Amino acid sequence: MVPFADVLTTYGSQLPGVTFYFDDQPHPKVEKTLGEYVSNRKTNAFNKTDAEACQWAAFDALKTFHQRAISEGGNAVINIHSYYKKNELSDPANYECHAGHVAAGVAFKGTVVKLAK
């Protein structure tokens, strides 16, 4: 289990215009739901610590959600939770990452929405 905050602190500035809400974190009113999506990302873990590899894989997964939200006209992704091997794990602070000597991987499920301002 790895903190979402670490990913957002390190890479969040690279994901402008879209806000991410994990598990059941409170958010503004949903104006329009644009779909539920899964992002399953892996990264090379060679010469990286488990934490570095997990952060990179999680950033890549959030970047996929970011691109989807922008293309669908959304401004947020809500109810993001771990979905590794299709096993849902809800936690507002942490995500599941599997890291080894060669690769690290995460899978997230979340809902792309347009939130009221």
PDB file of N, CA and C in Angstrom:
ATOM      1  N   MET A   1       0.855  -1.182   0.000  1.00  0.00           N
ATOM      2  CA  MET A   1       0.000   0.000   0.000  1.00  0.00           C
ATOM      3  C   MET A   1       0.897   1.240   0.000  1.00  0.00           C
ATOM      4  N   VAL A   2       0.586   2.155  -0.900  1.00  0.00           N
ATOM      5  CA  VAL A   2       1.403   3.354  -1.095  1.00  0.00           C
ATOM      6  C   VAL A   2       0.481   4.579  -1.035  1.00  0.00           C
ATOM      7  N   PRO A   3       0.908   5.670  -0.410  1.00  0.00           N
ATOM      8  CA  PRO A   3       0.053   6.858  -0.302  1.00  0.00           C
ATOM      9  C   PRO A   3      -0.173   7.572  -1.641  1.00  0.00           C
ATOM     10  N   PHE A   4      -1.435   7.905  -1.928  1.00  0.00           N
ATOM     11  CA  PHE A   4      -1.766   8.716  -3.100  1.00  0.00           C
ATOM     12  C   PHE A   4      -1.050  10.071  -3.015  1.00  0.00           C
ATOM     13  N   ALA A   5      -0.932  10.612  -1.804  1.00  0.00           N
ATOM     14  CA  ALA A   5      -0.345  11.939  -1.627  1.00  0.00           C
ATOM     15  C   ALA A   5       1.064  12.018  -2.197  1.00  0.00           C
ATOM     16  N   ASP A   6       1.836  10.940  -2.089  1.00  0.00           N
ATOM     17  CA  ASP A   6       3.201  10.952  -2.621  1.00  0.00           C
ATOM     18  C   ASP A   6       3.212  11.149  -4.132  1.00  0.00           C
ATOM     19  N   VAL A   7       2.285  10.514  -4.821  1.00  0.00           N
ATOM     20  CA  VAL A   7       2.202  10.648  -6.278  1.00  0.00           C
ATOM     21  C   VAL A   7       1.804  12.070  -6.647  1.00  0.00           C
ATOM     22  N   LEU A   8       0.801  12.601  -5.967  1.00  0.00           N
ATOM     23  CA  LEU A   8       0.323  13.947  -6.294  1.00  0.00           C
ATOM     24  C   LEU A   8       1.356  15.015  -5.943  1.00  0.00           C
ATOM     25  N   THR A   9       2.100  14.821  -4.863  1.00  0.00           N
ATOM     26  CA  THR A   9       3.146  15.777  -4.505  1.00  0.00           C
ATOM     27  C   THR A   9       4.242  15.789  -5.562  1.00  0.00           C
ATOM     28  N   THR A  10       4.620  14.615  -6.036  1.00  0.00           N
ATOM     29  CA  THR A  10       5.711  14.502  -7.004  1.00  0.00           C
ATOM     30  C   THR A  10       5.279  14.881  -8.416  1.00  0.00           C
ATOM     31  N   TYR A  11       4.094  14.448  -8.848  1.00  0.00           N
ATOM     32  CA  TYR A  11       3.699  14.583 -10.254  1.00  0.00           C
ATOM     33  C   TYR A  11       2.438  15.406 -10.508  1.00  0.00           C
ATOM     34  N   GLY A  12       1.750  15.827  -9.453  1.00  0.00           N
ATOM     35  CA  GLY A  12       0.462  16.498  -9.618  1.00  0.00           C
ATOM     36  C   GLY A  12       0.483  17.716 -10.515  1.00  0.00           C
ATOM     37  N   SER A  13       1.577  18.471 -10.520  1.00  0.00           N
ATOM     38  CA  SER A  13       1.646  19.673 -11.352  1.00  0.00           C
ATOM     39  C   SER A  13       1.641  19.338 -12.840  1.00  0.00           C
ATOM     40  N   GLN A  14       1.889  18.081 -13.181  1.00  0.00           N
ATOM     41  CA  GLN A  14       1.892  17.656 -14.577  1.00  0.00           C
ATOM     42  C   GLN A  14       0.501  17.220 -15.052  1.00  0.00           C
ATOM     43  N   LEU A  15      -0.495  17.384 -14.194  1.00  0.00           N
ATOM     44  CA  LEU A  15      -1.862  16.962 -14.514  1.00  0.00           C
ATOM     45  C   LEU A  15      -2.839  18.120 -14.312  1.00  0.00           C
ATOM     46  N   PRO A  16      -2.644  19.259 -15.004  1.00  0.00           N
ATOM     47  CA  PRO A  16      -3.481  20.442 -14.760  1.00  0.00           C
ATOM     48  C   PRO A  16      -4.901  20.301 -15.323  1.00  0.00           C
ATOM     49  N   GLY A  17      -5.826  20.992 -14.666  1.00  0.00           N
ATOM     50  CA  GLY A  17      -7.188  21.069 -15.176  1.00  0.00           C
ATOM     51  C   GLY A  17      -8.106  19.936 -14.769  1.00  0.00           C
ATOM     52  N   VAL A  18      -7.571  18.932 -14.104  1.00  0.00           N
ATOM     53  CA  VAL A  18      -8.381  17.798 -13.654  1.00  0.00           C
ATOM     54  C   VAL A  18      -8.049  17.548 -12.189  1.00  0.00           C
ATOM     55  N   THR A  19      -9.092  17.411 -11.370  1.00  0.00           N
ATOM     56  CA  THR A  19      -8.915  17.134  -9.952  1.00  0.00           C
ATOM     57  C   THR A  19      -9.229  15.663  -9.700  1.00  0.00           C
ATOM     58  N   PHE A  20      -8.461  15.054  -8.803  1.00  0.00           N
ATOM     59  CA  PHE A  20      -8.624  13.633  -8.499  1.00  0.00           C
ATOM     60  C   PHE A  20      -9.141  13.471  -7.077  1.00  0.00           C
ATOM     61  N   TYR A  21     -10.187  12.632  -6.932  1.00  0.00           N
ATOM     62  CA  TYR A  21     -10.786  12.343  -5.632  1.00  0.00           C
ATOM     63  C   TYR A  21     -10.738  10.841  -5.417  1.00  0.00           C
ATOM     64  N   PHE A  22     -10.122  10.435  -4.322  1.00  0.00           N
ATOM     65  CA  PHE A  22      -9.900   9.024  -4.057  1.00  0.00           C
ATOM     66  C   PHE A  22     -10.957   8.470  -3.119  1.00  0.00           C
ATOM     67  N   ASP A  23     -11.422   7.270  -3.464  1.00  0.00           N
ATOM     68  CA  ASP A  23     -12.441   6.557  -2.697  1.00  0.00           C
ATOM     69  C   ASP A  23     -13.652   7.472  -2.499  1.00  0.00           C
ATOM     70  N   ASP A  24     -14.050   7.713  -1.270  1.00  0.00           N
ATOM     71  CA  ASP A  24     -15.270   8.490  -1.018  1.00  0.00           C
ATOM     72  C   ASP A  24     -14.958   9.913  -0.551  1.00  0.00           C
ATOM     73  N   GLN A  25     -13.826  10.470  -0.972  1.00  0.00           N
ATOM     74  CA  GLN A  25     -13.504  11.843  -0.594  1.00  0.00           C
ATOM     75  C   GLN A  25     -14.607  12.787  -1.070  1.00  0.00           C
ATOM     76  N   PRO A  26     -14.977  13.749  -0.231  1.00  0.00           N
ATOM     77  CA  PRO A  26     -16.005  14.706  -0.636  1.00  0.00           C
ATOM     78  C   PRO A  26     -15.533  15.548  -1.824  1.00  0.00           C
ATOM     79  N   HIS A  27     -16.476  15.897  -2.675  1.00  0.00           N
ATOM     80  CA  HIS A  27     -16.189  16.702  -3.859  1.00  0.00           C
ATOM     81  C   HIS A  27     -17.414  17.547  -4.179  1.00  0.00           C
ATOM     82  N   PRO A  28     -17.247  18.592  -5.012  1.00  0.00           N
ATOM     83  CA  PRO A  28     -18.410  19.389  -5.410  1.00  0.00           C
ATOM     84  C   PRO A  28     -19.443  18.527  -6.141  1.00  0.00           C
ATOM     85  N   LYS A  29     -20.618  19.091  -6.300  1.00  0.00           N
ATOM     86  CA  LYS A  29     -21.726  18.388  -6.950  1.00  0.00           C
ATOM     87  C   LYS A  29     -21.355  17.973  -8.379  1.00  0.00           C
ATOM     88  N   VAL A  30     -21.731  16.751  -8.742  1.00  0.00           N
ATOM     89  CA  VAL A  30     -21.498  16.240 -10.092  1.00  0.00           C
ATOM     90  C   VAL A  30     -22.563  16.803 -11.022  1.00  0.00           C
ATOM     91  N   GLU A  31     -22.113  17.534 -12.049  1.00  0.00           N
ATOM     92  CA  GLU A  31     -23.041  18.041 -13.065  1.00  0.00           C
ATOM     93  C   GLU A  31     -23.333  16.979 -14.116  1.00  0.00           C
ATOM     94  N   LYS A  32     -22.304  16.218 -14.472  1.00  0.00           N
ATOM     95  CA  LYS A  32     -22.474  15.212 -15.508  1.00  0.00           C
ATOM     96  C   LYS A  32     -21.469  14.079 -15.303  1.00  0.00           C
ATOM     97  N   THR A  33     -21.967  12.853 -15.354  1.00  0.00           N
ATOM     98  CA  THR A  33     -21.103  11.680 -15.280  1.00  0.00           C
ATOM     99  C   THR A  33     -20.744  11.269 -16.706  1.00  0.00           C
ATOM    100  N   LEU A  34     -19.453  11.102 -16.953  1.00  0.00           N
ATOM    101  CA  LEU A  34     -18.973  10.832 -18.308  1.00  0.00           C
ATOM    102  C   LEU A  34     -18.469   9.409 -18.498  1.00  0.00           C
ATOM    103  N   GLY A  35     -18.513   8.600 -17.463  1.00  0.00           N
ATOM    104  CA  GLY A  35     -18.158   7.195 -17.606  1.00  0.00           C
ATOM    105  C   GLY A  35     -17.193   6.700 -16.554  1.00  0.00           C
ATOM    106  N   GLU A  36     -17.273   5.395 -16.322  1.00  0.00           N
ATOM    107  CA  GLU A  36     -16.363   4.732 -15.399  1.00  0.00           C
ATOM    108  C   GLU A  36     -15.285   4.033 -16.224  1.00  0.00           C
ATOM    109  N   TYR A  37     -14.034   4.198 -15.810  1.00  0.00           N
ATOM    110  CA  TYR A  37     -12.921   3.665 -16.585  1.00  0.00           C
ATOM    111  C   TYR A  37     -11.911   2.973 -15.689  1.00  0.00           C
ATOM    112  N   VAL A  38     -11.109   2.112 -16.307  1.00  0.00           N
ATOM    113  CA  VAL A  38     -10.024   1.411 -15.627  1.00  0.00           C
ATOM    114  C   VAL A  38      -8.722   1.810 -16.298  1.00  0.00           C
ATOM    115  N   SER A  39      -7.709   2.046 -15.495  1.00  0.00           N
ATOM    116  CA  SER A  39      -6.364   2.321 -15.997  1.00  0.00           C
ATOM    117  C   SER A  39      -5.415   1.337 -15.336  1.00  0.00           C
ATOM    118  N   ASN A  40      -4.817   0.484 -16.138  1.00  0.00           N
ATOM    119  CA  ASN A  40      -3.903  -0.553 -15.650  1.00  0.00           C
ATOM    120  C   ASN A  40      -2.531  -0.253 -16.238  1.00  0.00           C
ATOM    121  N   ARG A  41      -1.590   0.165 -15.408  1.00  0.00           N
ATOM    122  CA  ARG A  41      -0.286   0.592 -15.902  1.00  0.00           C
ATOM    123  C   ARG A  41       0.844  -0.145 -15.189  1.00  0.00           C
ATOM    124  N   LYS A  42       1.872  -0.409 -15.960  1.00  0.00           N
ATOM    125  CA  LYS A  42       3.070  -1.049 -15.430  1.00  0.00           C
ATOM    126  C   LYS A  42       4.276  -0.210 -15.825  1.00  0.00           C
ATOM    127  N   THR A  43       5.355  -0.357 -15.084  1.00  0.00           N
ATOM    128  CA  THR A  43       6.587   0.346 -15.405  1.00  0.00           C
ATOM    129  C   THR A  43       7.780  -0.542 -15.118  1.00  0.00           C
ATOM    130  N   ASN A  44       8.861  -0.242 -15.765  1.00  0.00           N
ATOM    131  CA  ASN A  44      10.115  -0.929 -15.526  1.00  0.00           C
ATOM    132  C   ASN A  44      10.598  -0.562 -14.125  1.00  0.00           C
ATOM    133  N   ALA A  45      10.870  -1.546 -13.307  1.00  0.00           N
ATOM    134  CA  ALA A  45      11.312  -1.289 -11.937  1.00  0.00           C
ATOM    135  C   ALA A  45      12.824  -1.426 -11.779  1.00  0.00           C
ATOM    136  N   PHE A  46      13.506  -1.719 -12.870  1.00  0.00           N
ATOM    137  CA  PHE A  46      14.952  -1.902 -12.805  1.00  0.00           C
ATOM    138  C   PHE A  46      15.633  -0.623 -12.337  1.00  0.00           C
ATOM    139  N   ASN A  47      16.493  -0.748 -11.350  1.00  0.00           N
ATOM    140  CA  ASN A  47      17.284   0.359 -10.809  1.00  0.00           C
ATOM    141  C   ASN A  47      16.418   1.443 -10.157  1.00  0.00           C
ATOM    142  N   LYS A  48      15.213   1.069  -9.695  1.00  0.00           N
ATOM    143  CA  LYS A  48      14.336   1.986  -8.967  1.00  0.00           C
ATOM    144  C   LYS A  48      13.973   1.323  -7.639  1.00  0.00           C
ATOM    145  N   THR A  49      13.731   2.133  -6.631  1.00  0.00           N
ATOM    146  CA  THR A  49      13.179   1.577  -5.402  1.00  0.00           C
ATOM    147  C   THR A  49      11.733   1.183  -5.676  1.00  0.00           C
ATOM    148  N   ASP A  50      11.168   0.351  -4.824  1.00  0.00           N
ATOM    149  CA  ASP A  50       9.751  -0.007  -4.984  1.00  0.00           C
ATOM    150  C   ASP A  50       8.871   1.238  -4.951  1.00  0.00           C
ATOM    151  N   ALA A  51       9.195   2.179  -4.054  1.00  0.00           N
ATOM    152  CA  ALA A  51       8.394   3.407  -3.946  1.00  0.00           C
ATOM    153  C   ALA A  51       8.462   4.225  -5.231  1.00  0.00           C
ATOM    154  N   GLU A  52       9.652   4.363  -5.809  1.00  0.00           N
ATOM    155  CA  GLU A  52       9.797   5.119  -7.057  1.00  0.00           C
ATOM    156  C   GLU A  52       9.035   4.447  -8.196  1.00  0.00           C
ATOM    157  N   ALA A  53       9.165   3.139  -8.307  1.00  0.00           N
ATOM    158  CA  ALA A  53       8.474   2.413  -9.381  1.00  0.00           C
ATOM    159  C   ALA A  53       6.963   2.508  -9.213  1.00  0.00           C
ATOM    160  N   CYS A  54       6.487   2.386  -7.983  1.00  0.00           N
ATOM    161  CA  CYS A  54       5.043   2.472  -7.733  1.00  0.00           C
ATOM    162  C   CYS A  54       4.514   3.873  -8.033  1.00  0.00           C
ATOM    163  N   GLN A  55       5.262   4.899  -7.640  1.00  0.00           N
ATOM    164  CA  GLN A  55       4.833   6.268  -7.937  1.00  0.00           C
ATOM    165  C   GLN A  55       4.757   6.505  -9.438  1.00  0.00           C
ATOM    166  N   TRP A  56       5.731   6.004 -10.176  1.00  0.00           N
ATOM    167  CA  TRP A  56       5.736   6.207 -11.625  1.00  0.00           C
ATOM    168  C   TRP A  56       4.541   5.490 -12.269  1.00  0.00           C
ATOM    169  N   ALA A  57       4.272   4.251 -11.857  1.00  0.00           N
ATOM    170  CA  ALA A  57       3.139   3.504 -12.412  1.00  0.00           C
ATOM    171  C   ALA A  57       1.820   4.203 -12.062  1.00  0.00           C
ATOM    172  N   ALA A  58       1.707   4.690 -10.824  1.00  0.00           N
ATOM    173  CA  ALA A  58       0.486   5.389 -10.413  1.00  0.00           C
ATOM    174  C   ALA A  58       0.321   6.697 -11.185  1.00  0.00           C
ATOM    175  N   PHE A  59       1.414   7.431 -11.380  1.00  0.00           N
ATOM    176  CA  PHE A  59       1.356   8.661 -12.180  1.00  0.00           C
ATOM    177  C   PHE A  59       0.878   8.343 -13.590  1.00  0.00           C
ATOM    178  N   ASP A  60       1.397   7.301 -14.183  1.00  0.00           N
ATOM    179  CA  ASP A  60       0.998   6.921 -15.537  1.00  0.00           C
ATOM    180  C   ASP A  60      -0.495   6.586 -15.589  1.00  0.00           C
ATOM    181  N   ALA A  61      -0.991   5.900 -14.560  1.00  0.00           N
ATOM    182  CA  ALA A  61      -2.425   5.572 -14.505  1.00  0.00           C
ATOM    183  C   ALA A  61      -3.267   6.842 -14.355  1.00  0.00           C
ATOM    184  N   LEU A  62      -2.842   7.763 -13.499  1.00  0.00           N
ATOM    185  CA  LEU A  62      -3.573   9.025 -13.329  1.00  0.00           C
ATOM    186  C   LEU A  62      -3.494   9.868 -14.595  1.00  0.00           C
ATOM    187  N   LYS A  63      -2.365   9.806 -15.291  1.00  0.00           N
ATOM    188  CA  LYS A  63      -2.226  10.544 -16.551  1.00  0.00           C
ATOM    189  C   LYS A  63      -3.233  10.029 -17.579  1.00  0.00           C
ATOM    190  N   THR A  64      -3.477   8.720 -17.584  1.00  0.00           N
ATOM    191  CA  THR A  64      -4.480   8.135 -18.478  1.00  0.00           C
ATOM    192  C   THR A  64      -5.869   8.679 -18.136  1.00  0.00           C
ATOM    193  N   PHE A  65      -6.197   8.737 -16.834  1.00  0.00           N
ATOM    194  CA  PHE A  65      -7.475   9.324 -16.409  1.00  0.00           C
ATOM    195  C   PHE A  65      -7.544  10.806 -16.800  1.00  0.00           C
ATOM    196  N   HIS A  66      -6.453  11.520 -16.618  1.00  0.00           N
ATOM    197  CA  HIS A  66      -6.393  12.940 -16.968  1.00  0.00           C
ATOM    198  C   HIS A  66      -6.719  13.138 -18.449  1.00  0.00           C
ATOM    199  N   GLN A  67      -6.079  12.375 -19.302  1.00  0.00           N
ATOM    200  CA  GLN A  67      -6.322  12.474 -20.741  1.00  0.00           C
ATOM    201  C   GLN A  67      -7.761  12.129 -21.088  1.00  0.00           C
ATOM    202  N   ARG A  68      -8.311  11.111 -20.430  1.00  0.00           N
ATOM    203  CA  ARG A  68      -9.701  10.714 -20.674  1.00  0.00           C
ATOM    204  C   ARG A  68     -10.651  11.834 -20.254  1.00  0.00           C
ATOM    205  N   ALA A  69     -10.410  12.409 -19.083  1.00  0.00           N
ATOM    206  CA  ALA A  69     -11.280  13.483 -18.596  1.00  0.00           C
ATOM    207  C   ALA A  69     -11.258  14.666 -19.562  1.00  0.00           C
ATOM    208  N   ILE A  70     -10.089  15.068 -20.000  1.00  0.00           N
ATOM    209  CA  ILE A  70      -9.980  16.195 -20.934  1.00  0.00           C
ATOM    210  C   ILE A  70     -10.717  15.881 -22.238  1.00  0.00           C
ATOM    211  N   SER A  71     -10.496  14.693 -22.778  1.00  0.00           N
ATOM    212  CA  SER A  71     -11.130  14.337 -24.059  1.00  0.00           C
ATOM    213  C   SER A  71     -12.642  14.212 -23.948  1.00  0.00           C
ATOM    214  N   GLU A  72     -13.152  13.864 -22.774  1.00  0.00           N
ATOM    215  CA  GLU A  72     -14.601  13.708 -22.573  1.00  0.00           C
ATOM    216  C   GLU A  72     -15.267  15.006 -22.109  1.00  0.00           C
ATOM    217  N   GLY A  73     -14.479  16.045 -21.845  1.00  0.00           N
ATOM    218  CA  GLY A  73     -15.041  17.309 -21.369  1.00  0.00           C
ATOM    219  C   GLY A  73     -15.226  17.359 -19.864  1.00  0.00           C
ATOM    220  N   GLY A  74     -14.527  16.512 -19.142  1.00  0.00           N
ATOM    221  CA  GLY A  74     -14.636  16.481 -17.686  1.00  0.00           C
ATOM    222  C   GLY A  74     -13.575  17.332 -17.019  1.00  0.00           C
ATOM    223  N   ASN A  75     -13.759  17.526 -15.716  1.00  0.00           N
ATOM    224  CA  ASN A  75     -12.779  18.284 -14.947  1.00  0.00           C
ATOM    225  C   ASN A  75     -12.356  17.571 -13.671  1.00  0.00           C
ATOM    226  N   ALA A  76     -12.784  16.305 -13.523  1.00  0.00           N
ATOM    227  CA  ALA A  76     -12.424  15.550 -12.323  1.00  0.00           C
ATOM    228  C   ALA A  76     -12.588  14.054 -12.567  1.00  0.00           C
ATOM    229  N   VAL A  77     -11.901  13.290 -11.726  1.00  0.00           N
ATOM    230  CA  VAL A  77     -12.109  11.848 -11.665  1.00  0.00           C
ATOM    231  C   VAL A  77     -12.389  11.541 -10.206  1.00  0.00           C
ATOM    232  N   ILE A  78     -13.543  10.940  -9.939  1.00  0.00           N
ATOM    233  CA  ILE A  78     -13.967  10.655  -8.566  1.00  0.00           C
ATOM    234  C   ILE A  78     -13.961   9.149  -8.315  1.00  0.00           C
ATOM    235  N   ASN A  79     -14.031   8.804  -7.041  1.00  0.00           N
ATOM    236  CA  ASN A  79     -14.114   7.411  -6.596  1.00  0.00           C
ATOM    237  C   ASN A  79     -12.974   6.555  -7.161  1.00  0.00           C
ATOM    238  N   ILE A  80     -11.772   7.126  -7.211  1.00  0.00           N
ATOM    239  CA  ILE A  80     -10.616   6.358  -7.679  1.00  0.00           C
ATOM    240  C   ILE A  80     -10.228   5.362  -6.591  1.00  0.00           C
ATOM    241  N   HIS A  81     -10.082   4.126  -6.991  1.00  0.00           N
ATOM    242  CA  HIS A  81      -9.658   3.092  -6.055  1.00  0.00           C
ATOM    243  C   HIS A  81      -8.863   2.022  -6.792  1.00  0.00           C
ATOM    244  N   SER A  82      -8.128   1.238  -6.031  1.00  0.00           N
ATOM    245  CA  SER A  82      -7.316   0.171  -6.610  1.00  0.00           C
ATOM    246  C   SER A  82      -8.212  -0.887  -7.214  1.00  0.00           C
ATOM    247  N   TYR A  83      -7.742  -1.447  -8.323  1.00  0.00           N
ATOM    248  CA  TYR A  83      -8.511  -2.455  -9.062  1.00  0.00           C
ATOM    249  C   TYR A  83      -7.552  -3.528  -9.601  1.00  0.00           C
ATOM    250  N   TYR A  84      -6.533  -3.847  -8.828  1.00  0.00           N
ATOM    251  CA  TYR A  84      -5.500  -4.792  -9.254  1.00  0.00           C
ATOM    252  C   TYR A  84      -6.106  -6.182  -9.441  1.00  0.00           C
ATOM    253  N   LYS A  85      -5.896  -6.758 -10.613  1.00  0.00           N
ATOM    254  CA  LYS A  85      -6.464  -8.055 -11.001  1.00  0.00           C
ATOM    255  C   LYS A  85      -7.974  -8.101 -10.758  1.00  0.00           C
ATOM    256  N   LYS A  86      -8.633  -6.960 -10.996  1.00  0.00           N
ATOM    257  CA  LYS A  86     -10.082  -6.788 -10.873  1.00  0.00           C
ATOM    258  C   LYS A  86     -10.599  -6.958  -9.448  1.00  0.00           C
ATOM    259  N   ASN A  87      -9.709  -6.840  -8.465  1.00  0.00           N
ATOM    260  CA  ASN A  87     -10.105  -6.859  -7.061  1.00  0.00           C
ATOM    261  C   ASN A  87     -10.180  -5.415  -6.580  1.00  0.00           C
ATOM    262  N   GLU A  88     -11.375  -4.967  -6.242  1.00  0.00           N
ATOM    263  CA  GLU A  88     -11.569  -3.584  -5.819  1.00  0.00           C
ATOM    264  C   GLU A  88     -11.135  -3.408  -4.374  1.00  0.00           C
ATOM    265  N   LEU A  89     -10.333  -2.371  -4.159  1.00  0.00           N
ATOM    266  CA  LEU A  89      -9.847  -2.048  -2.822  1.00  0.00           C
ATOM    267  C   LEU A  89     -10.004  -0.547  -2.626  1.00  0.00           C
ATOM    268  N   SER A  90     -10.929  -0.156  -1.774  1.00  0.00           N
ATOM    269  CA  SER A  90     -11.201   1.260  -1.541  1.00  0.00           C
ATOM    270  C   SER A  90     -10.433   1.747  -0.330  1.00  0.00           C
ATOM    271  N   ASP A  91      -9.707   2.843  -0.516  1.00  0.00           N
ATOM    272  CA  ASP A  91      -8.940   3.475   0.556  1.00  0.00           C
ATOM    273  C   ASP A  91      -8.709   4.914   0.128  1.00  0.00           C
ATOM    274  N   PRO A  92      -9.148   5.890   0.909  1.00  0.00           N
ATOM    275  CA  PRO A  92      -8.995   7.282   0.489  1.00  0.00           C
ATOM    276  C   PRO A  92      -7.548   7.789   0.549  1.00  0.00           C
ATOM    277  N   ALA A  93      -6.654   7.063   1.180  1.00  0.00           N
ATOM    278  CA  ALA A  93      -5.289   7.550   1.359  1.00  0.00           C
ATOM    279  C   ALA A  93      -4.231   6.736   0.616  1.00  0.00           C
ATOM    280  N   ASN A  94      -4.519   5.467   0.310  1.00  0.00           N
ATOM    281  CA  ASN A  94      -3.499   4.582  -0.241  1.00  0.00           C
ATOM    282  C   ASN A  94      -4.002   3.790  -1.435  1.00  0.00           C
ATOM    283  N   TYR A  95      -3.038   3.336  -2.252  1.00  0.00           N
ATOM    284  CA  TYR A  95      -3.361   2.462  -3.370  1.00  0.00           C
ATOM    285  C   TYR A  95      -2.481   1.226  -3.320  1.00  0.00           C
ATOM    286  N   GLU A  96      -2.950   0.194  -3.992  1.00  0.00           N
ATOM    287  CA  GLU A  96      -2.230  -1.079  -4.043  1.00  0.00           C
ATOM    288  C   GLU A  96      -1.257  -1.057  -5.218  1.00  0.00           C
ATOM    289  N   CYS A  97      -0.014  -1.433  -4.956  1.00  0.00           N
ATOM    290  CA  CYS A  97       0.997  -1.527  -5.996  1.00  0.00           C
ATOM    291  C   CYS A  97       1.749  -2.837  -5.809  1.00  0.00           C
ATOM    292  N   HIS A  98       2.041  -3.489  -6.915  1.00  0.00           N
ATOM    293  CA  HIS A  98       2.821  -4.723  -6.879  1.00  0.00           C
ATOM    294  C   HIS A  98       4.142  -4.461  -7.582  1.00  0.00           C
ATOM    295  N   ALA A  99       5.226  -4.550  -6.824  1.00  0.00           N
ATOM    296  CA  ALA A  99       6.549  -4.253  -7.369  1.00  0.00           C
ATOM    297  C   ALA A  99       7.465  -5.459  -7.192  1.00  0.00           C
ATOM    298  N   GLY A 100       8.272  -5.676  -8.217  1.00  0.00           N
ATOM    299  CA  GLY A 100       9.268  -6.744  -8.163  1.00  0.00           C
ATOM    300  C   GLY A 100      10.576  -6.228  -8.716  1.00  0.00           C
ATOM    301  N   HIS A 101      11.476  -7.132  -9.032  1.00  0.00           N
ATOM    302  CA  HIS A 101      12.791  -6.741  -9.537  1.00  0.00           C
ATOM    303  C   HIS A 101      12.713  -6.156 -10.949  1.00  0.00           C
ATOM    304  N   VAL A 102      11.734  -6.585 -11.740  1.00  0.00           N
ATOM    305  CA  VAL A 102      11.665  -6.205 -13.140  1.00  0.00           C
ATOM    306  C   VAL A 102      10.581  -5.165 -13.421  1.00  0.00           C
ATOM    307  N   ALA A 103       9.443  -5.271 -12.763  1.00  0.00           N
ATOM    308  CA  ALA A 103       8.320  -4.387 -13.078  1.00  0.00           C
ATOM    309  C   ALA A 103       7.511  -4.060 -11.826  1.00  0.00           C
ATOM    310  N   ALA A 104       6.768  -2.962 -11.932  1.00  0.00           N
ATOM    311  CA  ALA A 104       5.802  -2.570 -10.907  1.00  0.00           C
ATOM    312  C   ALA A 104       4.506  -2.226 -11.621  1.00  0.00           C
ATOM    313  N   GLY A 105       3.387  -2.512 -10.986  1.00  0.00           N
ATOM    314  CA  GLY A 105       2.115  -2.255 -11.636  1.00  0.00           C
ATOM    315  C   GLY A 105       1.028  -1.822 -10.677  1.00  0.00           C
ATOM    316  N   VAL A 106       0.137  -1.001 -11.204  1.00  0.00           N
ATOM    317  CA  VAL A 106      -1.058  -0.569 -10.487  1.00  0.00           C
ATOM    318  C   VAL A 106      -2.240  -0.639 -11.440  1.00  0.00           C
ATOM    319  N   ALA A 107      -3.414  -0.741 -10.880  1.00  0.00           N
ATOM    320  CA  ALA A 107      -4.648  -0.642 -11.656  1.00  0.00           C
ATOM    321  C   ALA A 107      -5.626   0.181 -10.826  1.00  0.00           C
ATOM    322  N   PHE A 108      -6.222   1.181 -11.460  1.00  0.00           N
ATOM    323  CA  PHE A 108      -7.201   2.031 -10.812  1.00  0.00           C
ATOM    324  C   PHE A 108      -8.517   1.973 -11.577  1.00  0.00           C
ATOM    325  N   LYS A 109      -9.583   2.173 -10.831  1.00  0.00           N
ATOM    326  CA  LYS A 109     -10.911   2.332 -11.423  1.00  0.00           C
ATOM    327  C   LYS A 109     -11.437   3.653 -10.897  1.00  0.00           C
ATOM    328  N   GLY A 110     -12.054   4.434 -11.760  1.00  0.00           N
ATOM    329  CA  GLY A 110     -12.580   5.720 -11.346  1.00  0.00           C
ATOM    330  C   GLY A 110     -13.638   6.218 -12.307  1.00  0.00           C
ATOM    331  N   THR A 111     -14.343   7.251 -11.908  1.00  0.00           N
ATOM    332  CA  THR A 111     -15.429   7.806 -12.698  1.00  0.00           C
ATOM    333  C   THR A 111     -15.066   9.225 -13.145  1.00  0.00           C
ATOM    334  N   VAL A 112     -15.068   9.430 -14.454  1.00  0.00           N
ATOM    335  CA  VAL A 112     -14.797  10.744 -15.028  1.00  0.00           C
ATOM    336  C   VAL A 112     -16.091  11.557 -14.972  1.00  0.00           C
ATOM    337  N   VAL A 113     -15.983  12.780 -14.466  1.00  0.00           N
ATOM    338  CA  VAL A 113     -17.166  13.627 -14.296  1.00  0.00           C
ATOM    339  C   VAL A 113     -16.856  15.085 -14.622  1.00  0.00           C
ATOM    340  N   LYS A 114     -17.928  15.841 -14.769  1.00  0.00           N
ATOM    341  CA  LYS A 114     -17.829  17.301 -14.802  1.00  0.00           C
ATOM    342  C   LYS A 114     -18.453  17.780 -13.503  1.00  0.00           C
ATOM    343  N   LEU A 115     -17.639  18.444 -12.672  1.00  0.00           N
ATOM    344  CA  LEU A 115     -18.117  18.923 -11.388  1.00  0.00           C
ATOM    345  C   LEU A 115     -18.560  20.371 -11.497  1.00  0.00           C
ATOM    346  N   ALA A 116     -19.531  20.748 -10.655  1.00  0.00           N
ATOM    347  CA  ALA A 116     -19.969  22.132 -10.558  1.00  0.00           C
ATOM    348  C   ALA A 116     -18.818  22.972 -10.002  1.00  0.00           C
ATOM    349  N   LYS A 117     -18.763  24.219 -10.427  1.00  0.00           N
ATOM    350  CA  LYS A 117     -17.690  25.109  -9.931  1.00  0.00           C
ATOM    351  C   LYS A 117     -18.138  25.932  -8.778  1.00  0.00           C
TER     352      LYS A 117
END
